[in-house]
Amino acid sequence: MAYNPSRARLSPPAPAAPRPRKRGRSPSAPGAAVWRASAYVAPFDHRRRWQDPAGASGRVWQGYHAPHAPVPYRRWVFADEASTSGSDACTIMSYNILADNNARNHPDLYLDVPWDALRWDSRRRLIIHEIRHWDSDLVCLQEVDRFREIAAEMKNRGYECSFKGRTGDAKDGCATFWKSERLRLLEEDSIDFSEFNLRNNVAQVLVFELNGTQKFVLGNIHVLFNPKRGDVKMGQVRMLLERANALAGKWDGIPIVLAGDFNSTPESAIYKFLSTMKLNVSLHDRRQLSGLDSSEFGFLLNYGWSDEEVRNATGSSNVMVASHPLKLSSSYAMLKVVFIFIGK
């Protein structure tokens, strides 16, 4: 999402493709479904559990894994290209690279991915190759737990970097890289959401100057995944917007660009909050705010918000409407991704 008081976007969007993270079943199983984004087809199961696979027993779940499954072909979906000429043009890539620790410790989330494809040595090479191919001025990464390795590769390609790690037992964090020949870092801030009882996710808020003229704020965030904690997701997004707006005001109302993994769908209430500047949370079930919880029976249960959940979402237990002052527009609004569900 990007906000600019004088124009719709600071820069043309970098192409992005979804990284499937859903547990799958065989397409021949009753009720099985697949989703398609462009030419990519992968198994999908809406009942995939988000919890730690170790569960209450403390034993890591050892399920079937396809060691020799074919690597699926993925075709990029391109947006209409805007002009990138001129010294004020800036390209930005946002990429959740899947932390190595998460890939190894949560095998039940990647049943249809060959083991070789999950190995860090293999993925690191491909990630660097992809970043190098797009050659963006700014690269915002999420789920980075091998920061030194990535930073060394990026430094060799003329990038400077900033990293904000998560707290507690988590080993990953957010990392932002920029081309030092084009961009200069003017100010750096970060948010540790655990300080506000909003889990241990983090965000970066940076101020850059492009070619000595254009200044802008860049936010990089990895929002909590847990679909049932929409109140926490809302709180994290709200705080990022507040911090970015405050920093932009400090620099005389400069443009704002927000990047990251928001763990929300374009049809969700959280997306509506971003795009319409407000949301009455009392009209929504917190378990449905992000659009990721597709429980078959959730609509049968009446759900009321606790004071703590309202405070998480809006900032005050006495306020049911969350709001922000930024007129955001999506850099990906022109993309048309078709989802086709097949099955009973």
Protein backbone atom coordinates (compact mmCIF):
# COMPACT_ATOMS: atom_id res chain seq x y z
CA MET A 1 0.00 0.00 0.00
CA ALA A 2 1.28 3.48 -0.77
CA TYR A 3 0.26 6.99 0.21
CA ASN A 4 1.36 10.09 -1.67
CA PRO A 5 -0.20 13.53 -1.22
CA SER A 6 0.73 14.57 -4.74
CA ARG A 7 0.47 11.41 -6.85
CA ALA A 8 -1.01 7.93 -6.75
CA ARG A 9 2.23 5.95 -6.45
CA LEU A 10 5.85 6.66 -5.88
CA SER A 11 6.95 3.83 -8.12
CA PRO A 12 5.58 1.04 -10.31
CA PRO A 13 4.81 -2.18 -8.46
CA ALA A 14 7.21 -5.09 -8.54
CA PRO A 15 5.58 -8.30 -9.77
CA ALA A 16 4.65 -10.73 -7.04
CA ALA A 17 3.32 -14.26 -6.94
CA PRO A 18 1.62 -16.05 -4.06
CA ARG A 19 3.66 -18.50 -2.03
CA PRO A 20 1.28 -21.34 -1.10
CA ARG A 21 1.41 -22.16 2.59
CA LYS A 22 -1.70 -24.28 2.91
CA ARG A 23 -1.79 -27.93 3.77
CA GLY A 24 -3.01 -29.99 0.84
CA ARG A 25 -4.88 -33.20 0.10
CA SER A 26 -4.92 -35.40 -2.93
CA PRO A 27 -7.14 -33.90 -5.66
CA SER A 28 -8.91 -37.24 -5.86
CA ALA A 29 -10.02 -37.13 -2.23
CA PRO A 30 -13.67 -36.23 -1.51
CA GLY A 31 -14.11 -32.52 -1.16
CA ALA A 32 -10.62 -31.79 -2.42
CA ALA A 33 -9.97 -28.47 -4.03
CA VAL A 34 -7.18 -26.72 -5.81
CA TRP A 35 -6.55 -23.04 -6.35
CA ARG A 36 -5.05 -21.46 -9.40
CA ALA A 37 -3.19 -18.18 -9.65
CA SER A 38 -2.23 -17.70 -13.27
CA ALA A 39 -0.88 -21.08 -14.42
CA TYR A 40 0.13 -22.36 -10.98
CA VAL A 41 -1.98 -25.16 -9.48
CA ALA A 42 -1.45 -26.46 -5.95
CA PRO A 43 -3.48 -28.48 -3.42
CA PHE A 44 -5.48 -26.49 -0.91
CA ASP A 45 -7.13 -27.43 2.36
CA HIS A 46 -9.03 -24.74 4.22
CA ARG A 47 -8.83 -26.80 7.41
CA ARG A 48 -5.06 -26.53 7.64
CA ARG A 49 -4.12 -25.87 11.26
CA TRP A 50 -1.84 -22.97 12.05
CA GLN A 51 -0.61 -24.28 15.41
CA ASP A 52 2.87 -25.53 16.22
CA PRO A 53 2.95 -29.12 14.90
CA ALA A 54 4.52 -30.29 18.16
CA GLY A 55 1.11 -29.78 19.75
CA ALA A 56 0.28 -30.64 23.33
CA SER A 57 2.23 -33.89 23.20
CA GLY A 58 5.47 -32.10 22.46
CA ARG A 59 6.24 -34.51 19.64
CA VAL A 60 6.86 -33.11 16.19
CA TRP A 61 4.32 -34.48 13.75
CA GLN A 62 5.88 -36.78 11.17
CA GLY A 63 3.53 -36.85 8.21
CA TYR A 64 3.91 -37.84 4.59
CA HIS A 65 6.21 -35.66 2.53
CA ALA A 66 6.71 -35.88 -1.20
CA PRO A 67 10.51 -36.15 -1.62
CA HIS A 68 10.30 -36.65 -5.36
CA ALA A 69 7.31 -34.47 -6.20
CA PRO A 70 7.78 -32.46 -9.40
CA VAL A 71 8.56 -28.79 -8.93
CA PRO A 72 5.45 -26.88 -10.10
CA TYR A 73 5.70 -24.34 -12.88
CA ARG A 74 4.79 -20.81 -11.87
CA ARG A 75 3.96 -18.13 -14.41
CA TRP A 76 4.26 -14.50 -13.38
CA VAL A 77 1.20 -12.27 -13.54
CA PHE A 78 2.34 -8.82 -14.68
CA ALA A 79 0.68 -5.50 -13.93
CA ASP A 80 0.41 -2.75 -16.49
CA GLU A 81 3.84 -1.18 -16.55
CA ALA A 82 4.21 2.45 -15.54
CA SER A 83 7.06 4.61 -16.74
CA THR A 84 10.30 4.01 -14.86
CA SER A 85 12.23 6.76 -16.59
CA GLY A 86 13.53 9.77 -14.72
CA SER A 87 15.66 10.20 -11.65
CA ASP A 88 12.65 10.08 -9.29
CA ALA A 89 11.54 6.59 -10.34
CA CYS A 90 12.06 3.93 -7.68
CA THR A 91 11.34 0.20 -7.77
CA ILE A 92 10.46 -1.74 -4.62
CA MET A 93 10.28 -5.50 -4.05
CA SER A 94 8.49 -7.13 -1.10
CA TYR A 95 9.25 -10.81 -0.52
CA ASN A 96 8.48 -13.28 2.28
CA ILE A 97 11.36 -15.71 1.81
CA LEU A 98 10.21 -18.31 4.41
CA ALA A 99 12.60 -18.57 7.35
CA ASP A 100 14.78 -21.67 7.28
CA ASN A 101 13.83 -22.41 10.87
CA ASN A 102 10.12 -22.30 10.00
CA ALA A 103 10.59 -24.56 6.99
CA ARG A 104 12.39 -27.18 9.07
CA ASN A 105 10.19 -27.02 12.17
CA HIS A 106 6.78 -26.98 10.47
CA PRO A 107 6.86 -29.83 7.92
CA ASP A 108 3.07 -30.28 8.03
CA LEU A 109 2.67 -26.95 6.23
CA TYR A 110 4.67 -28.07 3.20
CA LEU A 111 3.55 -31.63 2.51
CA ASP A 112 3.59 -31.20 -1.26
CA VAL A 113 6.98 -29.51 -1.44
CA PRO A 114 9.99 -31.74 -2.22
CA TRP A 115 12.58 -31.84 0.55
CA ASP A 116 15.27 -30.63 -1.82
CA ALA A 117 13.23 -27.54 -2.59
CA LEU A 118 12.97 -26.68 1.13
CA ARG A 119 16.69 -26.99 1.83
CA TRP A 120 18.16 -23.61 2.69
CA ASP A 121 21.24 -24.00 0.49
CA SER A 122 18.98 -24.48 -2.52
CA ARG A 123 16.49 -21.76 -1.59
CA ARG A 124 19.16 -19.19 -0.74
CA ARG A 125 20.67 -19.51 -4.19
CA LEU A 126 17.27 -19.14 -5.88
CA ILE A 127 16.20 -16.24 -3.65
CA ILE A 128 19.36 -14.30 -4.43
CA HIS A 129 18.97 -15.10 -8.12
CA GLU A 130 15.41 -13.75 -8.11
CA ILE A 131 16.36 -10.58 -6.26
CA ARG A 132 19.25 -10.05 -8.65
CA HIS A 133 16.97 -10.60 -11.65
CA TRP A 134 14.48 -7.88 -10.63
CA ASP A 135 17.27 -5.51 -9.59
CA SER A 136 14.98 -3.37 -7.42
CA ASP A 137 16.16 -0.19 -5.73
CA LEU A 138 14.61 -1.32 -2.45
CA VAL A 139 14.08 -4.89 -1.24
CA CYS A 140 11.82 -5.58 1.75
CA LEU A 141 12.14 -9.12 3.09
CA GLN A 142 10.15 -10.93 5.76
CA GLU A 143 10.95 -14.17 7.64
CA VAL A 144 14.69 -13.57 7.47
CA ASP A 145 16.61 -15.82 9.88
CA ARG A 146 19.84 -16.13 7.86
CA PHE A 147 20.42 -12.40 7.76
CA ARG A 148 24.21 -12.44 7.65
CA GLU A 149 24.22 -14.72 4.61
CA ILE A 150 21.65 -12.63 2.76
CA ALA A 151 23.32 -9.36 3.79
CA ALA A 152 26.72 -10.52 2.52
CA GLU A 153 25.23 -11.37 -0.88
CA MET A 154 23.37 -8.07 -1.06
CA LYS A 155 26.41 -6.04 -0.01
CA ASN A 156 28.34 -7.49 -2.93
CA ARG A 157 25.61 -6.09 -5.20
CA GLY A 158 25.76 -2.56 -3.84
CA TYR A 159 23.04 -2.71 -1.18
CA GLU A 160 23.08 -1.40 2.37
CA CYS A 161 20.77 -2.98 4.89
CA SER A 162 18.78 -2.75 8.10
CA PHE A 163 17.42 -5.67 10.14
CA LYS A 164 14.85 -5.93 12.93
CA GLY A 165 14.63 -9.34 14.60
CA ARG A 166 11.69 -10.76 16.48
CA THR A 167 11.93 -11.32 20.22
CA GLY A 168 11.49 -14.45 22.31
CA ASP A 169 12.16 -17.83 20.75
CA ALA A 170 11.64 -16.59 17.18
CA LYS A 171 14.79 -16.46 15.07
CA ASP A 172 13.56 -14.44 12.09
CA GLY A 173 12.71 -10.83 11.40
CA CYS A 174 12.27 -8.13 8.76
CA ALA A 175 15.15 -6.86 6.62
CA THR A 176 15.27 -3.89 4.25
CA PHE A 177 17.98 -3.42 1.60
CA TRP A 178 18.59 -0.36 -0.56
CA LYS A 179 20.99 0.61 -3.33
CA SER A 180 23.45 3.02 -1.77
CA GLU A 181 24.15 4.70 -5.11
CA ARG A 182 20.54 5.87 -5.38
CA LEU A 183 19.15 5.99 -1.86
CA ARG A 184 20.32 7.51 1.40
CA LEU A 185 18.89 6.49 4.77
CA LEU A 186 17.84 9.59 6.72
CA GLU A 187 16.10 8.07 9.73
CA GLU A 188 15.41 4.59 11.06
CA ASP A 189 12.73 3.38 13.46
CA SER A 190 11.22 0.01 14.31
CA ILE A 191 8.29 -1.51 16.18
CA ASP A 192 8.52 -4.48 18.52
CA PHE A 193 4.86 -5.38 18.94
CA SER A 194 5.57 -7.48 22.03
CA GLU A 195 6.07 -4.20 23.91
CA PHE A 196 2.36 -3.52 23.32
CA ASN A 197 1.14 -7.08 24.07
CA LEU A 198 0.58 -7.65 20.35
CA ARG A 199 2.70 -10.81 19.98
CA ASN A 200 6.35 -10.81 18.95
CA ASN A 201 6.06 -9.63 15.36
CA VAL A 202 8.10 -6.63 14.22
CA ALA A 203 8.06 -3.82 11.68
CA GLN A 204 10.56 -1.36 10.25
CA VAL A 205 9.85 2.30 9.47
CA LEU A 206 12.57 4.06 7.47
CA VAL A 207 13.01 7.47 5.84
CA PHE A 208 14.91 7.57 2.54
CA GLU A 209 16.11 10.24 0.16
CA LEU A 210 16.17 9.28 -3.52
CA ASN A 211 18.94 10.82 -5.62
CA GLY A 212 19.26 13.74 -3.24
CA THR A 213 15.75 15.06 -3.94
CA GLN A 214 12.64 12.96 -3.24
CA LYS A 215 12.11 11.86 0.36
CA PHE A 216 9.68 9.16 1.48
CA VAL A 217 8.81 6.84 4.37
CA LEU A 218 9.04 3.07 3.87
CA GLY A 219 7.32 0.58 6.17
CA ASN A 220 8.18 -3.13 6.18
CA ILE A 221 6.03 -5.45 8.32
CA HIS A 222 5.29 -9.12 8.89
CA VAL A 223 1.82 -9.32 10.44
CA LEU A 224 0.84 -12.21 12.73
CA PHE A 225 -0.39 -15.24 10.80
CA ASN A 226 -2.88 -16.74 13.31
CA PRO A 227 -6.24 -16.31 11.47
CA LYS A 228 -8.23 -16.33 14.71
CA ARG A 229 -6.45 -13.32 16.20
CA GLY A 230 -7.76 -10.61 13.92
CA ASP A 231 -7.67 -8.18 16.84
CA VAL A 232 -3.88 -8.55 17.06
CA LYS A 233 -3.49 -8.25 13.29
CA MET A 234 -5.54 -5.05 13.32
CA GLY A 235 -3.47 -3.67 16.17
CA GLN A 236 -0.20 -4.35 14.38
CA VAL A 237 -1.40 -2.74 11.15
CA ARG A 238 -2.87 0.23 13.03
CA MET A 239 0.39 0.86 14.89
CA LEU A 240 2.42 0.69 11.68
CA LEU A 241 0.14 3.29 10.09
CA GLU A 242 0.39 5.55 13.14
CA ARG A 243 4.18 5.32 13.27
CA ALA A 244 4.58 5.87 9.53
CA ASN A 245 2.24 8.86 9.60
CA ALA A 246 4.10 10.42 12.53
CA LEU A 247 7.45 9.98 10.80
CA ALA A 248 6.10 11.42 7.54
CA GLY A 249 4.78 14.45 9.42
CA LYS A 250 8.17 14.98 11.03
CA TRP A 251 9.62 15.28 7.51
CA ASP A 252 6.98 17.75 6.27
CA GLY A 253 4.36 15.28 5.04
CA ILE A 254 6.49 13.18 2.71
CA PRO A 255 4.99 10.18 0.82
CA ILE A 256 4.55 6.80 2.51
CA VAL A 257 5.06 3.34 1.01
CA LEU A 258 4.01 0.25 2.98
CA ALA A 259 5.39 -3.18 2.14
CA GLY A 260 5.29 -6.56 3.84
CA ASP A 261 3.33 -9.70 4.48
CA PHE A 262 0.01 -8.55 5.91
CA ASN A 263 -1.41 -12.09 6.16
CA SER A 264 -4.80 -10.83 4.93
CA THR A 265 -6.79 -11.28 1.73
CA PRO A 266 -7.89 -8.43 -0.59
CA GLU A 267 -11.51 -9.13 0.39
CA SER A 268 -10.85 -8.97 4.13
CA ALA A 269 -11.93 -6.41 6.71
CA ILE A 270 -8.28 -5.59 7.42
CA TYR A 271 -7.77 -4.70 3.76
CA LYS A 272 -10.92 -2.58 3.96
CA PHE A 273 -9.46 -0.80 6.99
CA LEU A 274 -6.30 -0.01 5.03
CA SER A 275 -8.15 1.22 1.95
CA THR A 276 -11.10 3.09 3.52
CA MET A 277 -9.31 4.57 6.56
CA LYS A 278 -11.70 3.13 9.17
CA LEU A 279 -13.40 -0.04 10.38
CA ASN A 280 -16.12 -0.69 12.95
CA VAL A 281 -14.82 -3.87 14.56
CA SER A 282 -18.14 -4.57 16.31
CA LEU A 283 -19.59 -5.48 12.90
CA HIS A 284 -17.04 -8.26 12.41
CA ASP A 285 -15.96 -11.51 14.01
CA ARG A 286 -12.29 -11.12 14.94
CA ARG A 287 -11.68 -14.65 13.61
CA GLN A 288 -12.75 -13.49 10.15
CA LEU A 289 -11.00 -10.10 9.98
CA SER A 290 -8.08 -11.27 7.84
CA GLY A 291 -10.11 -13.47 5.48
CA LEU A 292 -7.85 -16.45 6.20
CA ASP A 293 -10.10 -18.41 8.57
CA SER A 294 -12.58 -20.31 6.39
CA SER A 295 -14.13 -22.43 9.12
CA GLU A 296 -17.29 -24.13 7.88
CA PHE A 297 -19.11 -23.55 11.17
CA GLY A 298 -17.78 -20.18 12.29
CA PHE A 299 -20.84 -18.35 10.98
CA LEU A 300 -23.07 -20.38 13.31
CA LEU A 301 -21.38 -19.03 16.43
CA ASN A 302 -22.13 -15.61 17.82
CA TYR A 303 -18.97 -13.89 18.94
CA GLY A 304 -18.55 -10.86 21.19
CA TRP A 305 -15.45 -8.75 21.59
CA SER A 306 -13.71 -8.58 24.97
CA ASP A 307 -12.31 -5.27 26.23
CA GLU A 308 -8.78 -6.54 25.65
CA GLU A 309 -9.52 -7.52 22.05
CA VAL A 310 -11.13 -4.15 21.32
CA ARG A 311 -8.12 -2.40 22.83
CA ASN A 312 -5.79 -4.50 20.66
CA ALA A 313 -7.67 -3.60 17.50
CA THR A 314 -8.55 0.07 18.03
CA GLY A 315 -6.16 1.24 20.73
CA SER A 316 -8.89 1.79 23.34
CA SER A 317 -11.41 -0.56 24.97
CA ASN A 318 -14.02 2.24 24.74
CA VAL A 319 -13.65 2.78 20.98
CA MET A 320 -15.16 0.31 18.50
CA VAL A 321 -14.07 2.12 15.32
CA ALA A 322 -10.43 1.89 14.29
CA SER A 323 -9.24 4.68 12.00
CA HIS A 324 -6.16 6.13 10.36
CA PRO A 325 -5.48 9.33 8.33
CA LEU A 326 -3.70 7.87 5.28
CA LYS A 327 -5.39 7.74 1.88
CA LEU A 328 -3.77 4.54 0.71
CA SER A 329 -3.94 2.99 -2.74
CA SER A 330 -2.90 -0.54 -3.61
CA SER A 331 0.10 -1.02 -5.88
CA TYR A 332 -1.41 -4.35 -6.94
CA ALA A 333 -5.02 -3.27 -7.52
CA MET A 334 -4.68 -3.74 -11.27
CA LEU A 335 -3.68 -7.39 -10.99
CA LYS A 336 -6.41 -9.90 -11.84
CA VAL A 337 -5.67 -13.25 -10.18
CA VAL A 338 -8.24 -15.93 -10.90
CA PHE A 339 -8.96 -18.52 -8.21
CA ILE A 340 -10.68 -21.66 -9.47
CA PHE A 341 -12.05 -24.19 -6.98
CA ILE A 342 -12.76 -27.71 -8.19
CA GLY A 343 -14.51 -30.41 -6.20
CA LYS A 344 -17.66 -31.21 -4.30
